[in-house]
PDB file of N, CA and C in Angstrom:
ATOM      1  N   MET A   1      10.796  16.585   1.585  1.00  0.00           N
ATOM      2  CA  MET A   1      10.847  15.310   0.810  1.00  0.00           C
ATOM      3  C   MET A   1       9.569  14.977   0.290  1.00  0.00           C
ATOM      4  N   ALA A   2       9.401  14.401  -0.869  1.00  0.00           N
ATOM      5  CA  ALA A   2       8.363  14.129  -1.608  1.00  0.00           C
ATOM      6  C   ALA A   2       7.588  12.923  -0.765  1.00  0.00           C
ATOM      7  N   ILE A   3       6.252  12.680  -0.780  1.00  0.00           N
ATOM      8  CA  ILE A   3       5.688  11.522  -0.221  1.00  0.00           C
ATOM      9  C   ILE A   3       4.898  10.829  -1.262  1.00  0.00           C
ATOM     10  N   LYS A   4       5.025   9.461  -1.285  1.00  0.00           N
ATOM     11  CA  LYS A   4       4.301   8.724  -2.228  1.00  0.00           C
ATOM     12  C   LYS A   4       3.604   7.522  -1.464  1.00  0.00           C
ATOM     13  N   VAL A   5       2.220   7.129  -1.828  1.00  0.00           N
ATOM     14  CA  VAL A   5       1.585   6.176  -0.927  1.00  0.00           C
ATOM     15  C   VAL A   5       1.259   5.000  -2.071  1.00  0.00           C
ATOM     16  N   LEU A   6       1.707   3.988  -1.461  1.00  0.00           N
ATOM     17  CA  LEU A   6       1.490   2.626  -2.260  1.00  0.00           C
ATOM     18  C   LEU A   6       0.270   1.824  -1.811  1.00  0.00           C
ATOM     19  N   ASP A   7      -0.391   1.271  -2.672  1.00  0.00           N
ATOM     20  CA  ASP A   7      -1.447   0.254  -2.175  1.00  0.00           C
ATOM     21  C   ASP A   7      -0.991  -1.187  -2.264  1.00  0.00           C
ATOM     22  N   SER A   8      -1.905  -2.107  -1.870  1.00  0.00           N
ATOM     23  CA  SER A   8      -1.271  -3.465  -1.731  1.00  0.00           C
ATOM     24  C   SER A   8      -1.047  -4.024  -3.176  1.00  0.00           C
ATOM     25  N   TRP A   9      -1.852  -3.582  -4.285  1.00  0.00           N
ATOM     26  CA  TRP A   9      -1.717  -4.156  -5.555  1.00  0.00           C
ATOM     27  C   TRP A   9      -0.367  -3.846  -6.051  1.00  0.00           C
ATOM     28  N   ALA A  10       0.094  -2.640  -5.850  1.00  0.00           N
ATOM     29  CA  ALA A  10       1.520  -2.342  -6.326  1.00  0.00           C
ATOM     30  C   ALA A  10       2.669  -3.131  -5.748  1.00  0.00           C
ATOM     31  N   LEU A  11       2.580  -3.482  -4.322  1.00  0.00           N
ATOM     32  CA  LEU A  11       3.590  -4.336  -3.897  1.00  0.00           C
ATOM     33  C   LEU A  11       3.434  -5.851  -4.191  1.00  0.00           C
ATOM     34  N   ILE A  12       2.176  -6.312  -4.391  1.00  0.00           N
ATOM     35  CA  ILE A  12       1.974  -7.615  -4.960  1.00  0.00           C
ATOM     36  C   ILE A  12       2.476  -7.587  -6.395  1.00  0.00           C
ATOM     37  N   ALA A  13       2.293  -6.485  -7.284  1.00  0.00           N
ATOM     38  CA  ALA A  13       2.831  -6.670  -8.495  1.00  0.00           C
ATOM     39  C   ALA A  13       4.325  -6.609  -8.509  1.00  0.00           C
ATOM     40  N   PHE A  14       5.033  -5.998  -7.560  1.00  0.00           N
ATOM     41  CA  PHE A  14       6.371  -5.923  -7.375  1.00  0.00           C
ATOM     42  C   PHE A  14       6.889  -7.416  -6.933  1.00  0.00           C
ATOM     43  N   PHE A  15       6.311  -7.961  -5.984  1.00  0.00           N
ATOM     44  CA  PHE A  15       6.743  -9.258  -5.518  1.00  0.00           C
ATOM     45  C   PHE A  15       6.386 -10.318  -6.608  1.00  0.00           C
ATOM     46  N   GLU A  16       5.394 -10.356  -7.403  1.00  0.00           N
ATOM     47  CA  GLU A  16       5.083 -11.356  -8.326  1.00  0.00           C
ATOM     48  C   GLU A  16       5.604 -11.011  -9.796  1.00  0.00           C
ATOM     49  N   ASP A  17       6.451  -9.972  -9.910  1.00  0.00           N
ATOM     50  CA  ASP A  17       7.101  -9.617 -11.172  1.00  0.00           C
ATOM     51  C   ASP A  17       6.141  -9.484 -12.236  1.00  0.00           C
ATOM     52  N   GLU A  18       5.044  -8.693 -11.865  1.00  0.00           N
ATOM     53  CA  GLU A  18       3.999  -8.307 -12.836  1.00  0.00           C
ATOM     54  C   GLU A  18       4.359  -7.175 -13.743  1.00  0.00           C
ATOM     55  N   PRO A  19       3.645  -6.706 -14.685  1.00  0.00           N
ATOM     56  CA  PRO A  19       4.157  -5.468 -15.489  1.00  0.00           C
ATOM     57  C   PRO A  19       4.560  -4.243 -14.738  1.00  0.00           C
ATOM     58  N   ALA A  20       3.723  -3.954 -13.763  1.00  0.00           N
ATOM     59  CA  ALA A  20       4.126  -2.821 -12.912  1.00  0.00           C
ATOM     60  C   ALA A  20       5.314  -2.833 -11.979  1.00  0.00           C
ATOM     61  N   ALA A  21       5.935  -4.094 -11.995  1.00  0.00           N
ATOM     62  CA  ALA A  21       6.932  -4.320 -10.934  1.00  0.00           C
ATOM     63  C   ALA A  21       8.242  -3.376 -11.200  1.00  0.00           C
ATOM     64  N   ASP A  22       8.383  -3.021 -12.422  1.00  0.00           N
ATOM     65  CA  ASP A  22       9.559  -2.167 -12.837  1.00  0.00           C
ATOM     66  C   ASP A  22       9.189  -0.736 -12.204  1.00  0.00           C
ATOM     67  N   GLU A  23       8.141  -0.253 -12.359  1.00  0.00           N
ATOM     68  CA  GLU A  23       7.681   1.164 -11.735  1.00  0.00           C
ATOM     69  C   GLU A  23       7.882   0.958 -10.176  1.00  0.00           C
ATOM     70  N   VAL A  24       7.284  -0.027  -9.658  1.00  0.00           N
ATOM     71  CA  VAL A  24       7.386  -0.099  -8.167  1.00  0.00           C
ATOM     72  C   VAL A  24       8.860  -0.275  -7.772  1.00  0.00           C
ATOM     73  N   GLU A  25       9.752  -1.058  -8.517  1.00  0.00           N
ATOM     74  CA  GLU A  25      11.113  -1.269  -8.069  1.00  0.00           C
ATOM     75  C   GLU A  25      11.854   0.222  -8.202  1.00  0.00           C
ATOM     76  N   LYS A  26      11.381   1.016  -9.209  1.00  0.00           N
ATOM     77  CA  LYS A  26      11.923   2.276  -9.314  1.00  0.00           C
ATOM     78  C   LYS A  26      11.830   3.160  -8.127  1.00  0.00           C
ATOM     79  N   LEU A  27      10.486   3.198  -7.729  1.00  0.00           N
ATOM     80  CA  LEU A  27       9.937   3.766  -6.473  1.00  0.00           C
ATOM     81  C   LEU A  27      10.718   3.394  -5.294  1.00  0.00           C
ATOM     82  N   LEU A  28      11.017   2.251  -5.217  1.00  0.00           N
ATOM     83  CA  LEU A  28      11.676   1.804  -3.906  1.00  0.00           C
ATOM     84  C   LEU A  28      13.040   2.063  -3.940  1.00  0.00           C
ATOM     85  N   HIS A  29      13.773   2.147  -5.069  1.00  0.00           N
ATOM     86  CA  HIS A  29      15.218   2.521  -5.149  1.00  0.00           C
ATOM     87  C   HIS A  29      15.216   4.157  -4.827  1.00  0.00           C
ATOM     88  N   GLN A  30      14.389   4.755  -5.350  1.00  0.00           N
ATOM     89  CA  GLN A  30      14.393   6.231  -5.109  1.00  0.00           C
ATOM     90  C   GLN A  30      14.047   6.565  -3.500  1.00  0.00           C
ATOM     91  N   ALA A  31      13.275   5.682  -2.911  1.00  0.00           N
ATOM     92  CA  ALA A  31      12.909   5.781  -1.493  1.00  0.00           C
ATOM     93  C   ALA A  31      14.370   5.389  -0.703  1.00  0.00           C
ATOM     94  N   ALA A  32      14.942   4.554  -1.151  1.00  0.00           N
ATOM     95  CA  ALA A  32      16.192   4.132  -0.572  1.00  0.00           C
ATOM     96  C   ALA A  32      17.255   5.085  -0.599  1.00  0.00           C
ATOM     97  N   GLU A  33      17.290   5.792  -1.828  1.00  0.00           N
ATOM     98  CA  GLU A  33      18.107   7.044  -1.987  1.00  0.00           C
ATOM     99  C   GLU A  33      17.697   8.348  -1.368  1.00  0.00           C
ATOM    100  N   GLU A  34      16.506   8.244  -0.591  1.00  0.00           N
ATOM    101  CA  GLU A  34      15.855   9.184   0.095  1.00  0.00           C
ATOM    102  C   GLU A  34      15.384  10.342  -0.726  1.00  0.00           C
ATOM    103  N   LYS A  35      15.092   9.931  -1.997  1.00  0.00           N
ATOM    104  CA  LYS A  35      14.566  11.054  -2.989  1.00  0.00           C
ATOM    105  C   LYS A  35      13.072  11.124  -2.822  1.00  0.00           C
ATOM    106  N   HIS A  36      12.389  10.253  -2.122  1.00  0.00           N
ATOM    107  CA  HIS A  36      10.869  10.381  -1.596  1.00  0.00           C
ATOM    108  C   HIS A  36      10.654   9.412  -0.342  1.00  0.00           C
ATOM    109  N   LYS A  37       9.599   9.705   0.154  1.00  0.00           N
ATOM    110  CA  LYS A  37       9.281   8.800   1.217  1.00  0.00           C
ATOM    111  C   LYS A  37       8.037   7.969   0.786  1.00  0.00           C
ATOM    112  N   LEU A  38       8.035   6.505   1.067  1.00  0.00           N
ATOM    113  CA  LEU A  38       6.950   5.714   0.649  1.00  0.00           C
ATOM    114  C   LEU A  38       6.180   5.283   1.891  1.00  0.00           C
ATOM    115  N   LEU A  39       4.900   5.470   1.675  1.00  0.00           N
ATOM    116  CA  LEU A  39       3.913   5.020   2.895  1.00  0.00           C
ATOM    117  C   LEU A  39       2.990   3.850   2.359  1.00  0.00           C
ATOM    118  N   LEU A  40       2.647   3.102   3.165  1.00  0.00           N
ATOM    119  CA  LEU A  40       1.678   1.872   3.158  1.00  0.00           C
ATOM    120  C   LEU A  40       0.733   1.866   4.219  1.00  0.00           C
ATOM    121  N   SER A  41      -0.578   1.841   4.038  1.00  0.00           N
ATOM    122  CA  SER A  41      -1.448   1.745   5.212  1.00  0.00           C
ATOM    123  C   SER A  41      -1.447   0.337   5.727  1.00  0.00           C
ATOM    124  N   VAL A  42      -1.753   0.250   7.140  1.00  0.00           N
ATOM    125  CA  VAL A  42      -1.730  -1.108   7.769  1.00  0.00           C
ATOM    126  C   VAL A  42      -2.809  -1.885   7.172  1.00  0.00           C
ATOM    127  N   VAL A  43      -3.764  -1.380   6.577  1.00  0.00           N
ATOM    128  CA  VAL A  43      -4.957  -2.131   5.991  1.00  0.00           C
ATOM    129  C   VAL A  43      -4.419  -2.853   4.754  1.00  0.00           C
ATOM    130  N   ASN A  44      -3.563  -2.063   3.985  1.00  0.00           N
ATOM    131  CA  ASN A  44      -2.997  -2.721   2.869  1.00  0.00           C
ATOM    132  C   ASN A  44      -2.063  -3.785   3.209  1.00  0.00           C
ATOM    133  N   TRP A  45      -1.229  -3.474   4.205  1.00  0.00           N
ATOM    134  CA  TRP A  45      -0.280  -4.517   4.584  1.00  0.00           C
ATOM    135  C   TRP A  45      -1.085  -5.796   4.847  1.00  0.00           C
ATOM    136  N   GLY A  46      -2.083  -5.665   5.758  1.00  0.00           N
ATOM    137  CA  GLY A  46      -2.950  -6.792   5.873  1.00  0.00           C
ATOM    138  C   GLY A  46      -3.614  -7.541   4.741  1.00  0.00           C
ATOM    139  N   GLU A  47      -3.956  -6.629   3.619  1.00  0.00           N
ATOM    140  CA  GLU A  47      -4.342  -7.229   2.531  1.00  0.00           C
ATOM    141  C   GLU A  47      -3.377  -8.113   1.761  1.00  0.00           C
ATOM    142  N   ILE A  48      -2.066  -7.645   1.772  1.00  0.00           N
ATOM    143  CA  ILE A  48      -1.101  -8.493   1.275  1.00  0.00           C
ATOM    144  C   ILE A  48      -0.813  -9.845   2.039  1.00  0.00           C
ATOM    145  N   PHE A  49      -0.839  -9.505   3.390  1.00  0.00           N
ATOM    146  CA  PHE A  49      -0.638 -10.821   4.210  1.00  0.00           C
ATOM    147  C   PHE A  49      -1.767 -11.931   4.099  1.00  0.00           C
ATOM    148  N   TYR A  50      -3.114 -11.423   3.997  1.00  0.00           N
ATOM    149  CA  TYR A  50      -4.086 -12.463   3.918  1.00  0.00           C
ATOM    150  C   TYR A  50      -4.144 -12.967   2.580  1.00  0.00           C
ATOM    151  N   SER A  51      -3.735 -12.136   1.545  1.00  0.00           N
ATOM    152  CA  SER A  51      -3.846 -12.577   0.178  1.00  0.00           C
ATOM    153  C   SER A  51      -2.654 -13.720  -0.075  1.00  0.00           C
ATOM    154  N   THR A  52      -1.503 -13.574   0.528  1.00  0.00           N
ATOM    155  CA  THR A  52      -0.349 -14.400   0.422  1.00  0.00           C
ATOM    156  C   THR A  52      -0.857 -15.830   1.230  1.00  0.00           C
ATOM    157  N   MET A  53      -1.402 -15.475   2.423  1.00  0.00           N
ATOM    158  CA  MET A  53      -1.677 -16.715   3.259  1.00  0.00           C
ATOM    159  C   MET A  53      -2.865 -17.536   2.485  1.00  0.00           C
ATOM    160  N   ARG A  54      -3.728 -16.889   1.880  1.00  0.00           N
ATOM    161  CA  ARG A  54      -4.765 -17.677   1.325  1.00  0.00           C
ATOM    162  C   ARG A  54      -4.156 -18.589  -0.103  1.00  0.00           C
ATOM    163  N   ALA A  55      -3.428 -17.831  -0.789  1.00  0.00           N
ATOM    164  CA  ALA A  55      -2.915 -18.412  -1.949  1.00  0.00           C
ATOM    165  C   ALA A  55      -1.694 -19.322  -1.754  1.00  0.00           C
ATOM    166  N   VAL A  56      -0.926 -19.217  -0.616  1.00  0.00           N
ATOM    167  CA  VAL A  56       0.133 -20.251  -0.367  1.00  0.00           C
ATOM    168  C   VAL A  56       0.228 -20.723   0.905  1.00  0.00           C
ATOM    169  N   SER A  57       0.535 -20.046   1.849  1.00  0.00           N
ATOM    170  CA  SER A  57       0.578 -20.551   3.334  1.00  0.00           C
ATOM    171  C   SER A  57       0.740 -19.430   4.285  1.00  0.00           C
ATOM    172  N   GLN A  58       0.606 -19.660   5.582  1.00  0.00           N
ATOM    173  CA  GLN A  58       0.781 -18.817   6.590  1.00  0.00           C
ATOM    174  C   GLN A  58       2.282 -18.457   6.633  1.00  0.00           C
ATOM    175  N   GLN A  59       3.071 -19.468   6.565  1.00  0.00           N
ATOM    176  CA  GLN A  59       4.520 -19.271   6.547  1.00  0.00           C
ATOM    177  C   GLN A  59       4.947 -18.285   5.270  1.00  0.00           C
ATOM    178  N   ALA A  60       4.576 -18.448   4.170  1.00  0.00           N
ATOM    179  CA  ALA A  60       4.737 -17.642   3.122  1.00  0.00           C
ATOM    180  C   ALA A  60       4.391 -16.159   3.357  1.00  0.00           C
ATOM    181  N   ALA A  61       3.312 -16.134   4.114  1.00  0.00           N
ATOM    182  CA  ALA A  61       2.732 -14.666   4.479  1.00  0.00           C
ATOM    183  C   ALA A  61       3.704 -14.088   5.496  1.00  0.00           C
ATOM    184  N   GLU A  62       4.182 -14.861   6.371  1.00  0.00           N
ATOM    185  CA  GLU A  62       5.098 -14.230   7.408  1.00  0.00           C
ATOM    186  C   GLU A  62       6.531 -13.917   6.665  1.00  0.00           C
ATOM    187  N   GLU A  63       7.004 -14.707   5.617  1.00  0.00           N
ATOM    188  CA  GLU A  63       7.947 -14.287   4.969  1.00  0.00           C
ATOM    189  C   GLU A  63       7.819 -13.122   4.240  1.00  0.00           C
ATOM    190  N   LYS A  64       6.590 -12.895   3.484  1.00  0.00           N
ATOM    191  CA  LYS A  64       6.377 -11.753   2.753  1.00  0.00           C
ATOM    192  C   LYS A  64       6.201 -10.509   3.695  1.00  0.00           C
ATOM    193  N   ALA A  65       5.756 -10.728   4.866  1.00  0.00           N
ATOM    194  CA  ALA A  65       5.859  -9.527   5.882  1.00  0.00           C
ATOM    195  C   ALA A  65       7.208  -9.189   6.162  1.00  0.00           C
ATOM    196  N   GLY A  66       8.180 -10.216   6.312  1.00  0.00           N
ATOM    197  CA  GLY A  66       9.416  -9.622   6.597  1.00  0.00           C
ATOM    198  C   GLY A  66      10.211  -9.066   5.439  1.00  0.00           C
ATOM    199  N   GLU A  67       9.813  -9.534   4.219  1.00  0.00           N
ATOM    200  CA  GLU A  67      10.293  -8.682   3.061  1.00  0.00           C
ATOM    201  C   GLU A  67       9.849  -7.352   3.038  1.00  0.00           C
ATOM    202  N   ILE A  68       8.520  -7.167   3.260  1.00  0.00           N
ATOM    203  CA  ILE A  68       8.012  -5.715   3.315  1.00  0.00           C
ATOM    204  C   ILE A  68       8.701  -4.964   4.497  1.00  0.00           C
ATOM    205  N   ALA A  69       8.913  -5.605   5.403  1.00  0.00           N
ATOM    206  CA  ALA A  69       9.766  -4.846   6.682  1.00  0.00           C
ATOM    207  C   ALA A  69      11.103  -4.459   6.356  1.00  0.00           C
ATOM    208  N   SER A  70      11.761  -5.127   5.166  1.00  0.00           N
ATOM    209  CA  SER A  70      13.069  -4.820   4.904  1.00  0.00           C
ATOM    210  C   SER A  70      13.096  -3.653   3.887  1.00  0.00           C
ATOM    211  N   LEU A  71      11.884  -3.288   3.248  1.00  0.00           N
ATOM    212  CA  LEU A  71      11.834  -2.322   2.186  1.00  0.00           C
ATOM    213  C   LEU A  71      11.720  -0.867   2.780  1.00  0.00           C
ATOM    214  N   PRO A  72      12.134   0.085   1.994  1.00  0.00           N
ATOM    215  CA  PRO A  72      12.062   1.561   2.561  1.00  0.00           C
ATOM    216  C   PRO A  72      10.602   2.090   2.446  1.00  0.00           C
ATOM    217  N   ILE A  73       9.625   1.375   3.240  1.00  0.00           N
ATOM    218  CA  ILE A  73       8.442   1.696   3.297  1.00  0.00           C
ATOM    219  C   ILE A  73       8.081   2.031   4.736  1.00  0.00           C
ATOM    220  N   GLU A  74       7.306   3.249   5.061  1.00  0.00           N
ATOM    221  CA  GLU A  74       6.746   3.283   6.318  1.00  0.00           C
ATOM    222  C   GLU A  74       5.299   2.791   6.335  1.00  0.00           C
ATOM    223  N   ILE A  75       5.017   1.922   7.281  1.00  0.00           N
ATOM    224  CA  ILE A  75       3.662   1.363   7.518  1.00  0.00           C
ATOM    225  C   ILE A  75       2.991   2.323   8.400  1.00  0.00           C
ATOM    226  N   VAL A  76       1.785   2.990   8.071  1.00  0.00           N
ATOM    227  CA  VAL A  76       1.224   3.878   8.735  1.00  0.00           C
ATOM    228  C   VAL A  76      -0.137   3.404   9.332  1.00  0.00           C
ATOM    229  N   GLY A  77      -0.091   3.365  10.707  1.00  0.00           N
ATOM    230  CA  GLY A  77      -1.516   3.026  11.450  1.00  0.00           C
ATOM    231  C   GLY A  77      -2.678   3.849  11.128  1.00  0.00           C
ATOM    232  N   LEU A  78      -3.655   3.399  11.757  1.00  0.00           N
ATOM    233  CA  LEU A  78      -4.912   4.138  11.636  1.00  0.00           C
ATOM    234  C   LEU A  78      -5.225   5.170  12.520  1.00  0.00           C
ATOM    235  N   GLY A  79      -4.463   5.291  13.657  1.00  0.00           N
ATOM    236  CA  GLY A  79      -4.647   6.333  14.608  1.00  0.00           C
ATOM    237  C   GLY A  79      -6.023   6.310  15.497  1.00  0.00           C
ATOM    238  N   GLU A  80      -5.938   6.866  16.775  1.00  0.00           N
ATOM    239  CA  GLU A  80      -7.117   6.838  17.546  1.00  0.00           C
ATOM    240  C   GLU A  80      -8.167   7.602  17.192  1.00  0.00           C
ATOM    241  N   ASP A  81      -7.803   8.841  16.363  1.00  0.00           N
ATOM    242  CA  ASP A  81      -8.862   9.759  16.061  1.00  0.00           C
ATOM    243  C   ASP A  81     -10.005   9.278  14.964  1.00  0.00           C
ATOM    244  N   LEU A  82      -9.695   8.028  14.263  1.00  0.00           N
ATOM    245  CA  LEU A  82     -10.620   7.553  13.312  1.00  0.00           C
ATOM    246  C   LEU A  82     -10.668   8.435  12.082  1.00  0.00           C
ATOM    247  N   LYS A  83      -9.905   9.517  11.967  1.00  0.00           N
ATOM    248  CA  LYS A  83     -10.089  10.434  10.762  1.00  0.00           C
ATOM    249  C   LYS A  83      -9.803   9.454   9.454  1.00  0.00           C
ATOM    250  N   LEU A  84      -8.733   8.746   9.445  1.00  0.00           N
ATOM    251  CA  LEU A  84      -8.458   8.066   8.193  1.00  0.00           C
ATOM    252  C   LEU A  84      -9.386   6.948   7.937  1.00  0.00           C
ATOM    253  N   THR A  85      -9.890   6.388   8.943  1.00  0.00           N
ATOM    254  CA  THR A  85     -10.935   5.205   8.738  1.00  0.00           C
ATOM    255  C   THR A  85     -12.290   6.001   8.306  1.00  0.00           C
ATOM    256  N   ARG A  86     -12.560   7.072   8.860  1.00  0.00           N
ATOM    257  CA  ARG A  86     -13.807   7.849   8.431  1.00  0.00           C
ATOM    258  C   ARG A  86     -13.582   8.153   6.898  1.00  0.00           C
ATOM    259  N   GLN A  87     -12.467   8.769   6.384  1.00  0.00           N
ATOM    260  CA  GLN A  87     -12.325   8.935   5.002  1.00  0.00           C
ATOM    261  C   GLN A  87     -12.403   7.777   4.155  1.00  0.00           C
ATOM    262  N   ALA A  88     -11.881   6.594   4.568  1.00  0.00           N
ATOM    263  CA  ALA A  88     -11.874   5.366   3.846  1.00  0.00           C
ATOM    264  C   ALA A  88     -13.395   4.821   3.750  1.00  0.00           C
ATOM    265  N   ALA A  89     -14.069   5.085   4.791  1.00  0.00           N
ATOM    266  CA  ALA A  89     -15.417   4.686   4.883  1.00  0.00           C
ATOM    267  C   ALA A  89     -16.192   5.448   3.807  1.00  0.00           C
ATOM    268  N   ILE A  90     -16.060   6.702   3.875  1.00  0.00           N
ATOM    269  CA  ILE A  90     -16.644   7.646   2.815  1.00  0.00           C
ATOM    270  C   ILE A  90     -16.391   7.335   1.476  1.00  0.00           C
ATOM    271  N   TYR A  91     -15.053   6.984   1.112  1.00  0.00           N
ATOM    272  CA  TYR A  91     -14.769   6.487  -0.249  1.00  0.00           C
ATOM    273  C   TYR A  91     -15.360   5.099  -0.528  1.00  0.00           C
ATOM    274  N   LYS A  92     -15.518   4.314   0.359  1.00  0.00           N
ATOM    275  CA  LYS A  92     -16.143   3.123   0.155  1.00  0.00           C
ATOM    276  C   LYS A  92     -17.609   3.276  -0.206  1.00  0.00           C
ATOM    277  N   ALA A  93     -18.284   4.226   0.506  1.00  0.00           N
ATOM    278  CA  ALA A  93     -19.582   4.276   0.324  1.00  0.00           C
ATOM    279  C   ALA A  93     -19.934   5.083  -1.062  1.00  0.00           C
ATOM    280  N   THR A  94     -19.074   5.832  -1.514  1.00  0.00           N
ATOM    281  CA  THR A  94     -19.213   6.644  -2.699  1.00  0.00           C
ATOM    282  C   THR A  94     -18.466   6.260  -3.875  1.00  0.00           C
ATOM    283  N   ARG A  95     -17.654   5.251  -3.883  1.00  0.00           N
ATOM    284  CA  ARG A  95     -16.877   4.833  -5.117  1.00  0.00           C
ATOM    285  C   ARG A  95     -16.814   3.377  -5.190  1.00  0.00           C
ATOM    286  N   LYS A  96     -16.575   2.818  -6.377  1.00  0.00           N
ATOM    287  CA  LYS A  96     -16.382   1.325  -6.523  1.00  0.00           C
ATOM    288  C   LYS A  96     -14.900   0.979  -6.280  1.00  0.00           C
ATOM    289  N   MET A  97     -14.424   0.594  -5.082  1.00  0.00           N
ATOM    290  CA  MET A  97     -13.162   0.515  -4.727  1.00  0.00           C
ATOM    291  C   MET A  97     -13.141  -0.664  -3.615  1.00  0.00           C
ATOM    292  N   SER A  98     -12.093  -1.386  -3.461  1.00  0.00           N
ATOM    293  CA  SER A  98     -12.007  -2.234  -2.294  1.00  0.00           C
ATOM    294  C   SER A  98     -11.757  -1.518  -1.074  1.00  0.00           C
ATOM    295  N   TYR A  99     -12.037  -2.173   0.102  1.00  0.00           N
ATOM    296  CA  TYR A  99     -12.002  -1.333   1.342  1.00  0.00           C
ATOM    297  C   TYR A  99     -10.570  -0.894   1.543  1.00  0.00           C
ATOM    298  N   ALA A 100      -9.723  -2.081   1.353  1.00  0.00           N
ATOM    299  CA  ALA A 100      -8.147  -1.679   1.361  1.00  0.00           C
ATOM    300  C   ALA A 100      -7.827  -0.442   0.578  1.00  0.00           C
ATOM    301  N   ASP A 101      -8.250  -0.444  -0.783  1.00  0.00           N
ATOM    302  CA  ASP A 101      -7.897   0.730  -1.598  1.00  0.00           C
ATOM    303  C   ASP A 101      -8.488   2.000  -1.162  1.00  0.00           C
ATOM    304  N   CYS A 102      -9.619   1.972  -0.522  1.00  0.00           N
ATOM    305  CA  CYS A 102     -10.035   3.130   0.220  1.00  0.00           C
ATOM    306  C   CYS A 102      -9.045   3.724   1.205  1.00  0.00           C
ATOM    307  N   PHE A 103      -8.337   2.787   2.097  1.00  0.00           N
ATOM    308  CA  PHE A 103      -7.466   3.123   2.992  1.00  0.00           C
ATOM    309  C   PHE A 103      -6.255   3.834   2.341  1.00  0.00           C
ATOM    310  N   ALA A 104      -5.768   3.309   1.029  1.00  0.00           N
ATOM    311  CA  ALA A 104      -4.738   3.796   0.369  1.00  0.00           C
ATOM    312  C   ALA A 104      -5.183   5.222   0.075  1.00  0.00           C
ATOM    313  N   ALA A 105      -6.216   5.410  -0.562  1.00  0.00           N
ATOM    314  CA  ALA A 105      -6.681   6.848  -1.038  1.00  0.00           C
ATOM    315  C   ALA A 105      -6.899   7.511   0.081  1.00  0.00           C
ATOM    316  N   ALA A 106      -7.413   7.114   1.131  1.00  0.00           N
ATOM    317  CA  ALA A 106      -7.482   8.226   2.374  1.00  0.00           C
ATOM    318  C   ALA A 106      -6.080   8.701   2.870  1.00  0.00           C
ATOM    319  N   LEU A 107      -5.163   7.582   3.008  1.00  0.00           N
ATOM    320  CA  LEU A 107      -3.975   8.129   3.479  1.00  0.00           C
ATOM    321  C   LEU A 107      -3.259   8.952   2.436  1.00  0.00           C
ATOM    322  N   ALA A 108      -3.420   8.795   1.068  1.00  0.00           N
ATOM    323  CA  ALA A 108      -2.917   9.704   0.127  1.00  0.00           C
ATOM    324  C   ALA A 108      -3.545  11.184   0.350  1.00  0.00           C
ATOM    325  N   LYS A 109      -4.964  11.209   0.586  1.00  0.00           N
ATOM    326  CA  LYS A 109      -5.488  12.490   0.747  1.00  0.00           C
ATOM    327  C   LYS A 109      -5.112  13.127   1.976  1.00  0.00           C
ATOM    328  N   SER A 110      -4.739  12.328   3.009  1.00  0.00           N
ATOM    329  CA  SER A 110      -4.240  12.989   4.347  1.00  0.00           C
ATOM    330  C   SER A 110      -2.880  13.671   4.068  1.00  0.00           C
ATOM    331  N   LYS A 111      -2.090  13.078   3.125  1.00  0.00           N
ATOM    332  CA  LYS A 111      -0.807  13.573   2.991  1.00  0.00           C
ATOM    333  C   LYS A 111      -0.681  14.490   1.668  1.00  0.00           C
ATOM    334  N   LYS A 112      -1.852  14.734   1.188  1.00  0.00           N
ATOM    335  CA  LYS A 112      -2.098  15.627  -0.069  1.00  0.00           C
ATOM    336  C   LYS A 112      -1.260  15.101  -1.172  1.00  0.00           C
ATOM    337  N   ARG A 113      -1.296  13.675  -1.415  1.00  0.00           N
ATOM    338  CA  ARG A 113      -0.771  12.935  -2.355  1.00  0.00           C
ATOM    339  C   ARG A 113      -1.781  11.984  -3.113  1.00  0.00           C
ATOM    340  N   ARG A 114      -1.221  11.307  -4.145  1.00  0.00           N
ATOM    341  CA  ARG A 114      -2.015  10.393  -4.728  1.00  0.00           C
ATOM    342  C   ARG A 114      -1.574   8.929  -4.519  1.00  0.00           C
ATOM    343  N   ALA A 115      -2.333   7.974  -4.513  1.00  0.00           N
ATOM    344  CA  ALA A 115      -1.923   6.608  -4.333  1.00  0.00           C
ATOM    345  C   ALA A 115      -1.495   6.055  -5.494  1.00  0.00           C
ATOM    346  N   ASP A 116      -0.217   5.481  -5.526  1.00  0.00           N
ATOM    347  CA  ASP A 116       0.188   4.727  -6.586  1.00  0.00           C
ATOM    348  C   ASP A 116      -0.020   3.350  -6.765  1.00  0.00           C
ATOM    349  N   ASN A 117      -0.783   2.952  -7.918  1.00  0.00           N
ATOM    350  CA  ASN A 117      -1.377   1.612  -7.890  1.00  0.00           C
ATOM    351  C   ASN A 117      -1.278   1.074  -9.164  1.00  0.00           C
ATOM    352  N   TRP A 118      -1.165   1.714 -10.230  1.00  0.00           N
ATOM    353  CA  TRP A 118      -1.141   1.372 -11.686  1.00  0.00           C
ATOM    354  C   TRP A 118      -2.487   0.521 -12.026  1.00  0.00           C
ATOM    355  N   ARG A 119      -3.532   0.787 -11.636  1.00  0.00           N
ATOM    356  CA  ARG A 119      -4.694   0.217 -12.025  1.00  0.00           C
ATOM    357  C   ARG A 119      -5.690   1.129 -12.761  1.00  0.00           C
ATOM    358  N   PRO A 120      -6.329   0.989 -13.757  1.00  0.00           N
ATOM    359  CA  PRO A 120      -7.077   1.869 -14.372  1.00  0.00           C
ATOM    360  C   PRO A 120      -8.294   2.041 -13.482  1.00  0.00           C
ATOM    361  N   GLY A 121      -8.951   3.249 -13.376  1.00  0.00           N
ATOM    362  CA  GLY A 121     -10.062   3.494 -12.534  1.00  0.00           C
ATOM    363  C   GLY A 121      -9.911   3.833 -11.113  1.00  0.00           C
ATOM    364  N   ILE A 122      -8.587   3.573 -10.657  1.00  0.00           N
ATOM    365  CA  ILE A 122      -8.478   3.854  -9.129  1.00  0.00           C
ATOM    366  C   ILE A 122      -7.943   5.126  -8.965  1.00  0.00           C
TER     367      ILE A 122
END
């Protein structure tokens, strides 16, 4: 089964019905139909949570977390070996990316995939 990695921006675009929402919705439908597997780093999950809490409220952030939990997305932890965190730190030191995006990229690299985010330059 194919694996795709989402970053926080892709899910925020989906939730806020931004231009990329249709593409993300297509990925979600395909994942529900088991055409591929969708992954999201816990760091990217946290970025969605804190962004929603800052912009709206903690209750809204909790509701968004519930929505994410209902989607066909596997939340991937960091692991005890720090391999994912090390790669994210290397990306942060060598590229102009947010730290959360570095985790999406590191997760994609570990799965030999690309991160789906629909932003130029990432």
